[in-house]
C-alpha atoms as a PDB file:
ATOM      1  CA  MET A   1      -8.346 -32.913 -10.039  1.00  0.00           C
ATOM      2  CA  SER A   2     -10.948 -34.176  -8.189  1.00  0.00           C
ATOM      3  CA  GLU A   3     -15.043 -34.877  -8.963  1.00  0.00           C
ATOM      4  CA  GLN A   4     -15.072 -31.915  -6.354  1.00  0.00           C
ATOM      5  CA  GLU A   5     -13.937 -28.343  -6.698  1.00  0.00           C
ATOM      6  CA  GLU A   6     -11.960 -27.054  -4.236  1.00  0.00           C
ATOM      7  CA  GLU A   7     -13.537 -23.962  -2.255  1.00  0.00           C
ATOM      8  CA  LYS A   8     -11.062 -21.122  -2.417  1.00  0.00           C
ATOM      9  CA  MET A   9     -10.421 -19.389   1.321  1.00  0.00           C
ATOM     10  CA  GLU A  10     -10.022 -15.855   1.202  1.00  0.00           C
ATOM     11  CA  LEU A  11      -7.924 -13.788   3.961  1.00  0.00           C
ATOM     12  CA  THR A  12     -10.234 -10.486   4.876  1.00  0.00           C
ATOM     13  CA  HIS A  13      -9.731  -8.014   7.479  1.00  0.00           C
ATOM     14  CA  GLN A  14     -11.416  -4.836   8.779  1.00  0.00           C
ATOM     15  CA  PRO A  15      -9.890  -2.123   7.624  1.00  0.00           C
ATOM     16  CA  VAL A  16      -8.425   0.575  10.276  1.00  0.00           C
ATOM     17  CA  PRO A  17      -9.554   3.757   9.863  1.00  0.00           C
ATOM     18  CA  GLY A  18      -6.981   6.605   9.873  1.00  0.00           C
ATOM     19  CA  TYR A  19      -4.504   4.013   8.331  1.00  0.00           C
ATOM     20  CA  ARG A  20      -4.976   5.082   4.949  1.00  0.00           C
ATOM     21  CA  MET A  21      -4.662   8.358   5.072  1.00  0.00           C
ATOM     22  CA  LEU A  22      -1.396   7.952   7.382  1.00  0.00           C
ATOM     23  CA  PHE A  23      -0.224   5.747   4.042  1.00  0.00           C
ATOM     24  CA  PHE A  24      -1.177   8.541   1.292  1.00  0.00           C
ATOM     25  CA  ILE A  25       0.646  11.316   3.713  1.00  0.00           C
ATOM     26  CA  ALA A  26       4.623   9.210   4.059  1.00  0.00           C
ATOM     27  CA  ILE A  27       4.162   8.551   0.422  1.00  0.00           C
ATOM     28  CA  THR A  28       3.563  12.087  -0.526  1.00  0.00           C
ATOM     29  CA  ILE A  29       6.974  13.264   2.334  1.00  0.00           C
ATOM     30  CA  GLY A  30       9.196  10.416   0.776  1.00  0.00           C
ATOM     31  CA  VAL A  31       8.262  11.849  -3.074  1.00  0.00           C
ATOM     32  CA  LEU A  32       8.861  15.294  -2.009  1.00  0.00           C
ATOM     33  CA  TYR A  33      11.766  14.376   0.016  1.00  0.00           C
ATOM     34  CA  LEU A  34      13.003  12.020  -3.402  1.00  0.00           C
ATOM     35  CA  GLY A  35      12.667  15.440  -5.514  1.00  0.00           C
ATOM     36  CA  LEU A  36      14.227  18.193  -3.189  1.00  0.00           C
ATOM     37  CA  ILE A  37      17.260  15.325  -3.440  1.00  0.00           C
ATOM     38  CA  LEU A  38      17.123  15.464  -7.052  1.00  0.00           C
ATOM     39  CA  TRP A  39      16.599  18.888  -7.178  1.00  0.00           C
ATOM     40  CA  ASN A  40      19.491  19.594  -4.990  1.00  0.00           C
ATOM     41  CA  THR A  41      22.105  17.601  -7.416  1.00  0.00           C
ATOM     42  CA  VAL A  42      20.915  19.337 -10.700  1.00  0.00           C
END
């Protein structure tokens, strides 16, 4: 390793409002749908 310490680069972005809630709604619908499929196969 060289004498100079390498700088770490960090990729950042500003969050877009609304997408976090939409993500959780989509995950919830998917889990409920899979639960419904499991319930109907038992």
